[in-house]
Amino acid sequence: LFAAYQDLEKQNQVNCSFEHPPQDDKVCGIDFSSFSPCTADNNFGYHVARPCIFLKLNKIYNWIPEIYNDSKTLPDHMPEELKQHIKEKQSLRPNETNVVWVSCEGENPADVENIKARDYYPRMGFPRYYFPFKNIQGYIPPIVAVQFTVETGVLINIECKAWARNINRDRSDRRGSVHFELMVD
């Protein structure tokens, strides 16, 4: 995925930020250096037993995310770690809360216990300025790298969820989330 993204045509792509979203006929590019240490130069963390997993959202034409950017209105079932992250962003860098948030957790108590750490690059979600998808040439969906530190020799079930008010999550249909298994020797 990472290599394929780097090879994509860069037509209509511009550098975007929370303060500078793209013009109507342009799309946001991706700064691949912002994924460090989850880069090819770093073997995506595999050589140090800290693998990077890349996440992306499906493209939905004209979908505009309804962002959780106020720590006072977060859903009860949102993970506490993510709630704290949003609260910190809101107080320190409020302009950087326009994000479709991402959380990755073990699915069962044993899985939770066997995940030692998770680090998100370049941030804990997908910036709002990548949406909506309008099928403009050069558009590439944003990606988030999650680097895991886990107990070795154990198969771990992981579920990553996307968080916006208008994302419906249904575990049985795998809507709003992705499941994968991770084992590091």
N, C-alpha and C. Protein backbone atom coordinates (compact mmCIF):
# COMPACT_ATOMS: atom_id res chain seq x y z
N LEU A 1 0.83 -1.19 0.00
CA LEU A 1 0.00 0.00 0.00
C LEU A 1 0.87 1.25 0.00
N PHE A 2 1.85 1.30 0.90
CA PHE A 2 2.69 2.49 1.03
C PHE A 2 3.42 2.78 -0.27
N ALA A 3 4.01 1.76 -0.88
CA ALA A 3 4.75 1.95 -2.13
C ALA A 3 3.79 2.37 -3.25
N ALA A 4 2.61 1.77 -3.29
CA ALA A 4 1.63 2.11 -4.31
C ALA A 4 1.21 3.57 -4.18
N TYR A 5 1.06 4.05 -2.97
CA TYR A 5 0.69 5.45 -2.75
C TYR A 5 1.76 6.38 -3.28
N GLN A 6 3.03 6.04 -3.04
CA GLN A 6 4.11 6.90 -3.47
C GLN A 6 4.21 6.96 -4.99
N ASP A 7 3.77 5.92 -5.69
CA ASP A 7 3.87 5.87 -7.14
C ASP A 7 2.69 6.53 -7.85
N LEU A 8 1.65 6.89 -7.11
CA LEU A 8 0.46 7.47 -7.74
C LEU A 8 0.77 8.82 -8.40
N GLU A 9 0.02 9.09 -9.43
CA GLU A 9 0.15 10.35 -10.13
C GLU A 9 -0.19 11.50 -9.19
N LYS A 10 0.59 12.56 -9.23
CA LYS A 10 0.43 13.67 -8.29
C LYS A 10 -0.37 14.83 -8.89
N GLN A 11 -1.05 14.58 -10.00
CA GLN A 11 -1.84 15.62 -10.66
C GLN A 11 -2.91 16.14 -9.70
N ASN A 12 -3.07 17.45 -9.67
CA ASN A 12 -4.07 18.15 -8.85
C ASN A 12 -3.79 18.10 -7.35
N GLN A 13 -2.66 17.55 -6.92
CA GLN A 13 -2.36 17.46 -5.49
C GLN A 13 -1.66 18.72 -5.00
N VAL A 14 -2.07 19.15 -3.81
CA VAL A 14 -1.45 20.30 -3.15
C VAL A 14 -1.14 19.92 -1.71
N ASN A 15 -0.24 20.69 -1.10
CA ASN A 15 0.04 20.49 0.32
C ASN A 15 -1.09 21.13 1.11
N CYS A 16 -1.65 20.36 2.03
CA CYS A 16 -2.78 20.84 2.83
C CYS A 16 -2.39 20.88 4.31
N SER A 17 -3.14 21.65 5.05
CA SER A 17 -3.01 21.68 6.51
C SER A 17 -4.38 22.05 7.07
N PHE A 18 -4.50 22.02 8.39
CA PHE A 18 -5.78 22.39 9.01
C PHE A 18 -6.15 23.83 8.67
N GLU A 19 -5.14 24.69 8.51
CA GLU A 19 -5.38 26.09 8.18
C GLU A 19 -5.55 26.31 6.68
N HIS A 20 -5.06 25.38 5.85
CA HIS A 20 -5.09 25.55 4.40
C HIS A 20 -5.64 24.30 3.72
N PRO A 21 -6.97 24.13 3.70
CA PRO A 21 -7.57 23.00 2.98
C PRO A 21 -7.41 23.20 1.47
N PRO A 22 -7.66 22.18 0.67
CA PRO A 22 -7.47 22.33 -0.78
C PRO A 22 -8.56 23.21 -1.40
N GLN A 23 -8.22 23.83 -2.54
CA GLN A 23 -9.22 24.55 -3.32
C GLN A 23 -10.18 23.51 -3.91
N ASP A 24 -11.31 23.98 -4.45
CA ASP A 24 -12.36 23.08 -4.94
C ASP A 24 -11.89 22.08 -6.00
N ASP A 25 -10.95 22.47 -6.85
CA ASP A 25 -10.52 21.59 -7.94
C ASP A 25 -9.21 20.86 -7.63
N LYS A 26 -8.76 20.88 -6.39
CA LYS A 26 -7.50 20.26 -5.98
C LYS A 26 -7.77 19.21 -4.90
N VAL A 27 -6.77 18.36 -4.67
CA VAL A 27 -6.84 17.35 -3.61
C VAL A 27 -5.55 17.41 -2.79
N CYS A 28 -5.63 16.89 -1.59
CA CYS A 28 -4.47 16.91 -0.70
C CYS A 28 -3.52 15.76 -1.03
N GLY A 29 -2.24 16.09 -1.07
CA GLY A 29 -1.22 15.07 -1.21
C GLY A 29 -0.86 14.53 0.17
N ILE A 30 0.09 13.62 0.21
CA ILE A 30 0.53 13.03 1.48
C ILE A 30 2.03 13.24 1.61
N ASP A 31 2.45 13.72 2.78
CA ASP A 31 3.87 13.89 3.08
C ASP A 31 4.35 12.59 3.73
N PHE A 32 5.01 11.75 2.94
CA PHE A 32 5.40 10.43 3.42
C PHE A 32 6.45 10.47 4.53
N SER A 33 7.19 11.56 4.65
CA SER A 33 8.17 11.66 5.73
C SER A 33 7.49 11.75 7.10
N SER A 34 6.20 12.15 7.11
CA SER A 34 5.48 12.29 8.39
C SER A 34 5.11 10.94 9.00
N PHE A 35 5.36 9.85 8.28
CA PHE A 35 5.06 8.52 8.81
C PHE A 35 6.23 7.90 9.55
N SER A 36 7.36 8.57 9.59
CA SER A 36 8.53 8.02 10.27
C SER A 36 8.17 7.76 11.73
N PRO A 37 8.50 6.59 12.24
CA PRO A 37 9.39 5.53 11.77
C PRO A 37 8.72 4.46 10.90
N CYS A 38 7.51 4.68 10.49
CA CYS A 38 6.79 3.70 9.65
C CYS A 38 7.05 3.96 8.18
N THR A 39 8.30 3.80 7.77
CA THR A 39 8.70 4.04 6.39
C THR A 39 9.50 2.85 5.88
N ALA A 40 9.67 2.79 4.56
CA ALA A 40 10.45 1.71 3.96
C ALA A 40 11.89 1.74 4.47
N ASP A 41 12.45 2.96 4.65
CA ASP A 41 13.82 3.07 5.16
C ASP A 41 13.97 2.43 6.54
N ASN A 42 12.90 2.38 7.28
CA ASN A 42 12.90 1.78 8.62
C ASN A 42 12.27 0.39 8.62
N ASN A 43 12.12 -0.20 7.43
CA ASN A 43 11.53 -1.54 7.29
C ASN A 43 10.16 -1.64 7.95
N PHE A 44 9.47 -0.52 8.00
CA PHE A 44 8.12 -0.45 8.59
C PHE A 44 8.07 -1.05 9.99
N GLY A 45 9.20 -0.97 10.69
CA GLY A 45 9.27 -1.42 12.09
C GLY A 45 9.43 -2.91 12.28
N TYR A 46 9.39 -3.67 11.22
CA TYR A 46 9.44 -5.14 11.36
C TYR A 46 10.78 -5.63 11.88
N HIS A 47 11.88 -4.98 11.53
CA HIS A 47 13.19 -5.43 11.96
C HIS A 47 13.43 -5.24 13.46
N VAL A 48 12.61 -4.42 14.11
CA VAL A 48 12.73 -4.21 15.56
C VAL A 48 11.51 -4.77 16.29
N ALA A 49 10.77 -5.66 15.63
CA ALA A 49 9.59 -6.32 16.20
C ALA A 49 8.53 -5.32 16.66
N ARG A 50 8.41 -4.19 15.94
CA ARG A 50 7.37 -3.18 16.18
C ARG A 50 6.70 -2.87 14.84
N PRO A 51 5.87 -3.79 14.34
CA PRO A 51 5.31 -3.63 12.99
C PRO A 51 4.35 -2.45 12.87
N CYS A 52 4.39 -1.85 11.68
CA CYS A 52 3.47 -0.77 11.34
C CYS A 52 2.35 -1.34 10.47
N ILE A 53 1.14 -1.02 10.82
CA ILE A 53 -0.04 -1.42 10.05
C ILE A 53 -0.66 -0.13 9.52
N PHE A 54 -0.97 -0.09 8.22
CA PHE A 54 -1.55 1.11 7.61
C PHE A 54 -3.05 0.95 7.47
N LEU A 55 -3.77 2.00 7.86
CA LEU A 55 -5.23 2.01 7.80
C LEU A 55 -5.69 3.10 6.83
N LYS A 56 -6.80 2.83 6.15
CA LYS A 56 -7.43 3.86 5.33
C LYS A 56 -8.94 3.64 5.39
N LEU A 57 -9.68 4.68 5.06
CA LEU A 57 -11.13 4.58 4.99
C LEU A 57 -11.54 4.30 3.55
N ASN A 58 -12.65 3.63 3.37
CA ASN A 58 -13.19 3.46 2.03
C ASN A 58 -13.63 4.82 1.49
N LYS A 59 -13.53 4.98 0.18
CA LYS A 59 -13.97 6.22 -0.45
C LYS A 59 -15.49 6.19 -0.59
N ILE A 60 -16.14 7.21 -0.05
CA ILE A 60 -17.58 7.36 -0.19
C ILE A 60 -17.81 8.73 -0.80
N TYR A 61 -18.38 8.74 -1.99
CA TYR A 61 -18.55 9.97 -2.74
C TYR A 61 -19.36 11.00 -1.95
N ASN A 62 -18.79 12.20 -1.82
CA ASN A 62 -19.40 13.36 -1.16
C ASN A 62 -19.69 13.19 0.33
N TRP A 63 -19.13 12.17 0.98
CA TRP A 63 -19.33 12.00 2.42
C TRP A 63 -18.55 13.07 3.18
N ILE A 64 -19.23 13.76 4.08
CA ILE A 64 -18.60 14.77 4.91
C ILE A 64 -18.68 14.29 6.36
N PRO A 65 -17.53 14.03 6.99
CA PRO A 65 -17.56 13.52 8.37
C PRO A 65 -18.06 14.57 9.35
N GLU A 66 -18.85 14.11 10.30
CA GLU A 66 -19.30 14.96 11.42
C GLU A 66 -18.33 14.67 12.57
N ILE A 67 -17.44 15.60 12.79
CA ILE A 67 -16.27 15.41 13.65
C ILE A 67 -16.61 15.51 15.14
N TYR A 68 -15.95 14.65 15.92
CA TYR A 68 -15.95 14.79 17.38
C TYR A 68 -14.78 15.70 17.73
N ASN A 69 -15.05 16.99 17.95
CA ASN A 69 -13.96 17.90 18.27
C ASN A 69 -14.18 18.64 19.58
N ASP A 70 -15.17 18.22 20.35
CA ASP A 70 -15.44 18.81 21.65
C ASP A 70 -15.42 17.70 22.69
N SER A 71 -14.48 17.76 23.61
CA SER A 71 -14.32 16.68 24.60
C SER A 71 -15.53 16.54 25.52
N LYS A 72 -16.42 17.51 25.53
CA LYS A 72 -17.61 17.44 26.39
C LYS A 72 -18.74 16.62 25.75
N THR A 73 -18.63 16.32 24.45
CA THR A 73 -19.72 15.62 23.76
C THR A 73 -19.27 14.29 23.16
N LEU A 74 -18.26 13.67 23.74
CA LEU A 74 -17.76 12.40 23.21
C LEU A 74 -18.66 11.25 23.68
N PRO A 75 -18.81 10.21 22.85
CA PRO A 75 -19.67 9.09 23.25
C PRO A 75 -19.07 8.29 24.39
N ASP A 76 -19.94 7.74 25.23
CA ASP A 76 -19.49 6.95 26.39
C ASP A 76 -18.64 5.76 25.99
N HIS A 77 -18.96 5.13 24.85
CA HIS A 77 -18.27 3.91 24.44
C HIS A 77 -16.94 4.17 23.71
N MET A 78 -16.54 5.44 23.57
CA MET A 78 -15.25 5.76 22.96
C MET A 78 -14.15 5.38 23.95
N PRO A 79 -13.05 4.79 23.48
CA PRO A 79 -11.95 4.41 24.39
C PRO A 79 -11.42 5.62 25.17
N GLU A 80 -11.11 5.38 26.42
CA GLU A 80 -10.63 6.44 27.31
C GLU A 80 -9.35 7.10 26.77
N GLU A 81 -8.46 6.29 26.21
CA GLU A 81 -7.20 6.83 25.65
C GLU A 81 -7.51 7.87 24.56
N LEU A 82 -8.47 7.59 23.71
CA LEU A 82 -8.83 8.53 22.65
C LEU A 82 -9.51 9.77 23.22
N LYS A 83 -10.37 9.59 24.20
CA LYS A 83 -11.01 10.74 24.84
C LYS A 83 -9.96 11.70 25.41
N GLN A 84 -8.95 11.14 26.07
CA GLN A 84 -7.89 11.96 26.65
C GLN A 84 -7.10 12.69 25.56
N HIS A 85 -6.84 11.98 24.47
CA HIS A 85 -6.10 12.57 23.36
C HIS A 85 -6.87 13.76 22.78
N ILE A 86 -8.16 13.60 22.57
CA ILE A 86 -8.99 14.68 22.03
C ILE A 86 -9.02 15.85 23.01
N LYS A 87 -9.14 15.56 24.28
CA LYS A 87 -9.16 16.61 25.30
C LYS A 87 -7.86 17.41 25.28
N GLU A 88 -6.72 16.71 25.18
CA GLU A 88 -5.42 17.40 25.12
C GLU A 88 -5.31 18.25 23.86
N LYS A 89 -5.71 17.69 22.72
CA LYS A 89 -5.66 18.45 21.46
C LYS A 89 -6.54 19.69 21.55
N GLN A 90 -7.73 19.53 22.14
CA GLN A 90 -8.67 20.64 22.25
C GLN A 90 -8.06 21.77 23.07
N SER A 91 -7.32 21.45 24.13
CA SER A 91 -6.76 22.50 24.97
C SER A 91 -5.45 23.08 24.42
N LEU A 92 -4.63 22.24 23.75
CA LEU A 92 -3.33 22.71 23.28
C LEU A 92 -3.33 23.19 21.83
N ARG A 93 -4.05 22.47 20.95
CA ARG A 93 -4.08 22.81 19.52
C ARG A 93 -5.48 22.58 18.98
N PRO A 94 -6.43 23.44 19.35
CA PRO A 94 -7.83 23.22 18.96
C PRO A 94 -8.06 23.15 17.46
N ASN A 95 -7.21 23.81 16.66
CA ASN A 95 -7.39 23.76 15.21
C ASN A 95 -7.05 22.37 14.65
N GLU A 96 -6.41 21.50 15.44
CA GLU A 96 -6.04 20.16 14.98
C GLU A 96 -7.01 19.08 15.47
N THR A 97 -8.23 19.49 15.83
CA THR A 97 -9.23 18.50 16.26
C THR A 97 -10.21 18.13 15.16
N ASN A 98 -10.07 18.71 13.99
CA ASN A 98 -10.95 18.37 12.87
C ASN A 98 -10.44 17.11 12.19
N VAL A 99 -10.66 15.98 12.88
CA VAL A 99 -10.08 14.70 12.49
C VAL A 99 -11.14 13.60 12.63
N VAL A 100 -11.17 12.67 11.68
CA VAL A 100 -11.90 11.43 11.86
C VAL A 100 -10.95 10.56 12.68
N TRP A 101 -11.25 10.41 13.95
CA TRP A 101 -10.34 9.76 14.89
C TRP A 101 -10.26 8.25 14.65
N VAL A 102 -9.16 7.66 15.11
CA VAL A 102 -8.92 6.23 14.99
C VAL A 102 -8.48 5.69 16.34
N SER A 103 -9.01 4.53 16.71
CA SER A 103 -8.53 3.83 17.90
C SER A 103 -8.32 2.37 17.55
N CYS A 104 -7.26 1.79 18.07
CA CYS A 104 -6.97 0.37 17.86
C CYS A 104 -6.79 -0.27 19.23
N GLU A 105 -7.52 -1.36 19.43
CA GLU A 105 -7.50 -2.05 20.73
C GLU A 105 -7.56 -3.54 20.52
N GLY A 106 -7.13 -4.27 21.55
CA GLY A 106 -7.32 -5.71 21.55
C GLY A 106 -8.80 -6.02 21.67
N GLU A 107 -9.24 -7.11 21.01
CA GLU A 107 -10.67 -7.42 21.02
C GLU A 107 -11.11 -8.08 22.33
N ASN A 108 -10.24 -8.82 22.96
CA ASN A 108 -10.58 -9.55 24.19
C ASN A 108 -9.62 -9.13 25.29
N PRO A 109 -9.95 -9.40 26.56
CA PRO A 109 -9.06 -9.01 27.66
C PRO A 109 -7.61 -9.49 27.49
N ALA A 110 -7.43 -10.71 27.01
CA ALA A 110 -6.06 -11.22 26.81
C ALA A 110 -5.35 -10.43 25.71
N ASP A 111 -6.10 -10.06 24.66
CA ASP A 111 -5.52 -9.27 23.58
C ASP A 111 -5.11 -7.89 24.09
N VAL A 112 -5.97 -7.27 24.89
CA VAL A 112 -5.67 -5.96 25.46
C VAL A 112 -4.38 -6.03 26.28
N GLU A 113 -4.25 -7.08 27.06
CA GLU A 113 -3.08 -7.25 27.93
C GLU A 113 -1.80 -7.46 27.11
N ASN A 114 -1.90 -8.09 25.95
CA ASN A 114 -0.72 -8.40 25.15
C ASN A 114 -0.28 -7.26 24.22
N ILE A 115 -1.05 -6.18 24.15
CA ILE A 115 -0.63 -4.99 23.41
C ILE A 115 0.05 -4.06 24.41
N LYS A 116 1.34 -3.86 24.23
CA LYS A 116 2.11 -3.03 25.17
C LYS A 116 2.02 -1.54 24.84
N ALA A 117 1.99 -1.23 23.53
CA ALA A 117 1.92 0.19 23.12
C ALA A 117 1.42 0.27 21.68
N ARG A 118 0.83 1.43 21.37
CA ARG A 118 0.41 1.77 20.01
C ARG A 118 0.81 3.21 19.78
N ASP A 119 1.42 3.44 18.64
CA ASP A 119 1.77 4.81 18.25
C ASP A 119 1.17 5.06 16.87
N TYR A 120 0.58 6.23 16.69
CA TYR A 120 -0.13 6.58 15.45
C TYR A 120 0.67 7.64 14.70
N TYR A 121 0.86 7.43 13.38
CA TYR A 121 1.61 8.39 12.57
C TYR A 121 0.82 8.72 11.31
N PRO A 122 0.76 9.96 10.87
CA PRO A 122 1.31 11.13 11.52
C PRO A 122 0.45 11.65 12.67
N ARG A 123 -0.78 11.11 12.81
CA ARG A 123 -1.66 11.52 13.91
C ARG A 123 -2.66 10.40 14.15
N MET A 124 -3.49 10.58 15.16
CA MET A 124 -4.46 9.55 15.58
C MET A 124 -5.76 9.65 14.79
N GLY A 125 -5.65 9.81 13.48
CA GLY A 125 -6.84 9.87 12.65
C GLY A 125 -6.58 10.50 11.30
N PHE A 126 -7.68 10.73 10.59
CA PHE A 126 -7.65 11.24 9.23
C PHE A 126 -8.13 12.70 9.23
N PRO A 127 -7.30 13.65 8.80
CA PRO A 127 -7.70 15.06 8.82
C PRO A 127 -8.94 15.33 7.96
N ARG A 128 -9.78 16.20 8.45
CA ARG A 128 -11.03 16.57 7.79
C ARG A 128 -10.79 17.15 6.40
N TYR A 129 -9.63 17.77 6.17
CA TYR A 129 -9.40 18.42 4.88
C TYR A 129 -9.26 17.43 3.72
N TYR A 130 -9.21 16.13 3.97
CA TYR A 130 -9.20 15.13 2.90
C TYR A 130 -10.61 14.80 2.39
N PHE A 131 -11.62 15.33 3.06
CA PHE A 131 -13.01 15.00 2.73
C PHE A 131 -13.74 16.24 2.26
N PRO A 132 -14.75 16.13 1.41
CA PRO A 132 -15.30 14.89 0.87
C PRO A 132 -14.52 14.39 -0.35
N PHE A 133 -14.65 13.11 -0.63
CA PHE A 133 -14.12 12.52 -1.84
C PHE A 133 -15.04 12.95 -2.99
N LYS A 134 -14.47 13.60 -4.02
CA LYS A 134 -15.26 14.10 -5.14
C LYS A 134 -14.83 13.50 -6.47
N ASN A 135 -14.02 12.45 -6.41
CA ASN A 135 -13.53 11.76 -7.60
C ASN A 135 -12.69 12.68 -8.50
N ILE A 136 -11.96 13.60 -7.89
CA ILE A 136 -11.04 14.46 -8.63
C ILE A 136 -9.77 13.66 -8.92
N GLN A 137 -9.29 13.77 -10.15
CA GLN A 137 -8.07 13.05 -10.55
C GLN A 137 -6.93 13.38 -9.58
N GLY A 138 -6.22 12.36 -9.14
CA GLY A 138 -5.09 12.54 -8.23
C GLY A 138 -5.44 12.30 -6.77
N TYR A 139 -6.75 12.16 -6.45
CA TYR A 139 -7.16 11.95 -5.06
C TYR A 139 -6.63 10.61 -4.55
N ILE A 140 -6.07 10.64 -3.37
CA ILE A 140 -5.70 9.41 -2.68
C ILE A 140 -6.25 9.49 -1.26
N PRO A 141 -6.88 8.41 -0.79
CA PRO A 141 -7.43 8.45 0.56
C PRO A 141 -6.31 8.62 1.58
N PRO A 142 -6.57 9.36 2.64
CA PRO A 142 -5.55 9.51 3.67
C PRO A 142 -5.29 8.16 4.36
N ILE A 143 -4.09 8.01 4.89
CA ILE A 143 -3.73 6.79 5.62
C ILE A 143 -3.17 7.17 6.97
N VAL A 144 -3.29 6.23 7.90
CA VAL A 144 -2.72 6.35 9.23
C VAL A 144 -1.90 5.10 9.47
N ALA A 145 -0.68 5.27 9.97
CA ALA A 145 0.14 4.12 10.34
C ALA A 145 0.01 3.92 11.85
N VAL A 146 -0.21 2.68 12.24
CA VAL A 146 -0.26 2.35 13.66
C VAL A 146 0.89 1.38 13.92
N GLN A 147 1.81 1.79 14.80
CA GLN A 147 2.95 0.94 15.13
C GLN A 147 2.66 0.27 16.47
N PHE A 148 2.74 -1.05 16.47
CA PHE A 148 2.41 -1.84 17.64
C PHE A 148 3.66 -2.38 18.33
N THR A 149 3.63 -2.33 19.64
CA THR A 149 4.58 -3.06 20.47
C THR A 149 3.74 -4.09 21.20
N VAL A 150 4.03 -5.38 20.96
CA VAL A 150 3.18 -6.44 21.50
C VAL A 150 4.03 -7.54 22.14
N GLU A 151 3.34 -8.36 22.91
CA GLU A 151 3.96 -9.55 23.47
C GLU A 151 4.33 -10.48 22.30
N THR A 152 5.54 -11.00 22.31
CA THR A 152 5.97 -11.85 21.20
C THR A 152 5.46 -13.28 21.37
N GLY A 153 5.28 -13.94 20.23
CA GLY A 153 4.87 -15.34 20.23
C GLY A 153 3.41 -15.58 20.56
N VAL A 154 2.61 -14.53 20.54
CA VAL A 154 1.19 -14.64 20.89
C VAL A 154 0.36 -14.06 19.76
N LEU A 155 -0.68 -14.78 19.34
CA LEU A 155 -1.60 -14.26 18.33
C LEU A 155 -2.56 -13.28 19.01
N ILE A 156 -2.63 -12.06 18.47
CA ILE A 156 -3.44 -11.00 19.08
C ILE A 156 -4.50 -10.55 18.09
N ASN A 157 -5.75 -10.53 18.53
CA ASN A 157 -6.87 -10.02 17.74
C ASN A 157 -7.00 -8.53 18.01
N ILE A 158 -6.98 -7.75 16.93
CA ILE A 158 -7.01 -6.29 17.05
C ILE A 158 -8.18 -5.76 16.24
N GLU A 159 -8.86 -4.76 16.82
CA GLU A 159 -9.92 -4.07 16.11
C GLU A 159 -9.61 -2.58 16.12
N CYS A 160 -9.60 -1.98 14.94
CA CYS A 160 -9.40 -0.54 14.81
C CYS A 160 -10.72 0.07 14.36
N LYS A 161 -11.09 1.17 15.00
CA LYS A 161 -12.36 1.83 14.71
C LYS A 161 -12.14 3.26 14.25
N ALA A 162 -12.97 3.71 13.34
CA ALA A 162 -13.00 5.10 12.91
C ALA A 162 -14.10 5.80 13.71
N TRP A 163 -13.83 7.05 14.12
CA TRP A 163 -14.76 7.78 14.98
C TRP A 163 -15.18 9.12 14.37
N ALA A 164 -16.44 9.20 13.98
CA ALA A 164 -17.12 10.44 13.60
C ALA A 164 -18.59 10.20 13.92
N ARG A 165 -19.34 11.26 14.13
CA ARG A 165 -20.75 11.10 14.51
C ARG A 165 -21.55 10.33 13.46
N ASN A 166 -21.18 10.46 12.21
CA ASN A 166 -21.94 9.80 11.14
C ASN A 166 -21.23 8.55 10.61
N ILE A 167 -20.45 7.91 11.45
CA ILE A 167 -19.92 6.58 11.13
C ILE A 167 -20.67 5.58 12.00
N ASN A 168 -21.40 4.70 11.34
CA ASN A 168 -22.13 3.65 12.06
C ASN A 168 -21.22 2.44 12.21
N ARG A 169 -21.06 2.00 13.44
CA ARG A 169 -20.23 0.84 13.70
C ARG A 169 -21.10 -0.36 13.99
N ASP A 170 -20.80 -1.47 13.34
CA ASP A 170 -21.49 -2.73 13.58
C ASP A 170 -20.44 -3.82 13.46
N ARG A 171 -20.08 -4.41 14.60
CA ARG A 171 -19.01 -5.40 14.62
C ARG A 171 -19.33 -6.60 13.74
N SER A 172 -20.57 -7.08 13.75
CA SER A 172 -20.92 -8.27 12.98
C SER A 172 -20.81 -8.01 11.47
N ASP A 173 -21.11 -6.79 11.03
CA ASP A 173 -20.99 -6.44 9.61
C ASP A 173 -19.64 -5.81 9.28
N ARG A 174 -18.81 -5.60 10.31
CA ARG A 174 -17.51 -4.94 10.14
C ARG A 174 -17.67 -3.57 9.50
N ARG A 175 -18.66 -2.83 9.95
CA ARG A 175 -18.85 -1.45 9.49
C ARG A 175 -18.21 -0.52 10.50
N GLY A 176 -17.44 0.43 9.99
CA GLY A 176 -16.81 1.42 10.86
C GLY A 176 -15.59 0.89 11.59
N SER A 177 -15.19 -0.33 11.27
CA SER A 177 -14.02 -0.91 11.94
C SER A 177 -13.36 -1.93 11.03
N VAL A 178 -12.17 -2.33 11.43
CA VAL A 178 -11.46 -3.39 10.74
C VAL A 178 -10.86 -4.31 11.80
N HIS A 179 -10.88 -5.59 11.52
CA HIS A 179 -10.31 -6.60 12.41
C HIS A 179 -9.11 -7.23 11.72
N PHE A 180 -8.05 -7.46 12.46
CA PHE A 180 -6.92 -8.22 11.95
C PHE A 180 -6.22 -8.91 13.10
N GLU A 181 -5.41 -9.87 12.76
CA GLU A 181 -4.64 -10.62 13.75
C GLU A 181 -3.18 -10.29 13.56
N LEU A 182 -2.46 -10.20 14.67
CA LEU A 182 -1.05 -9.83 14.64
C LEU A 182 -0.28 -10.80 15.53
N MET A 183 0.83 -11.30 15.01
CA MET A 183 1.70 -12.16 15.81
C MET A 183 3.13 -11.79 15.46
N VAL A 184 3.92 -11.46 16.46
CA VAL A 184 5.31 -11.12 16.28
C VAL A 184 6.15 -12.22 16.92
N ASP A 185 7.04 -12.81 16.12
CA ASP A 185 7.91 -13.89 16.66
C ASP A 185 9.03 -13.33 17.48
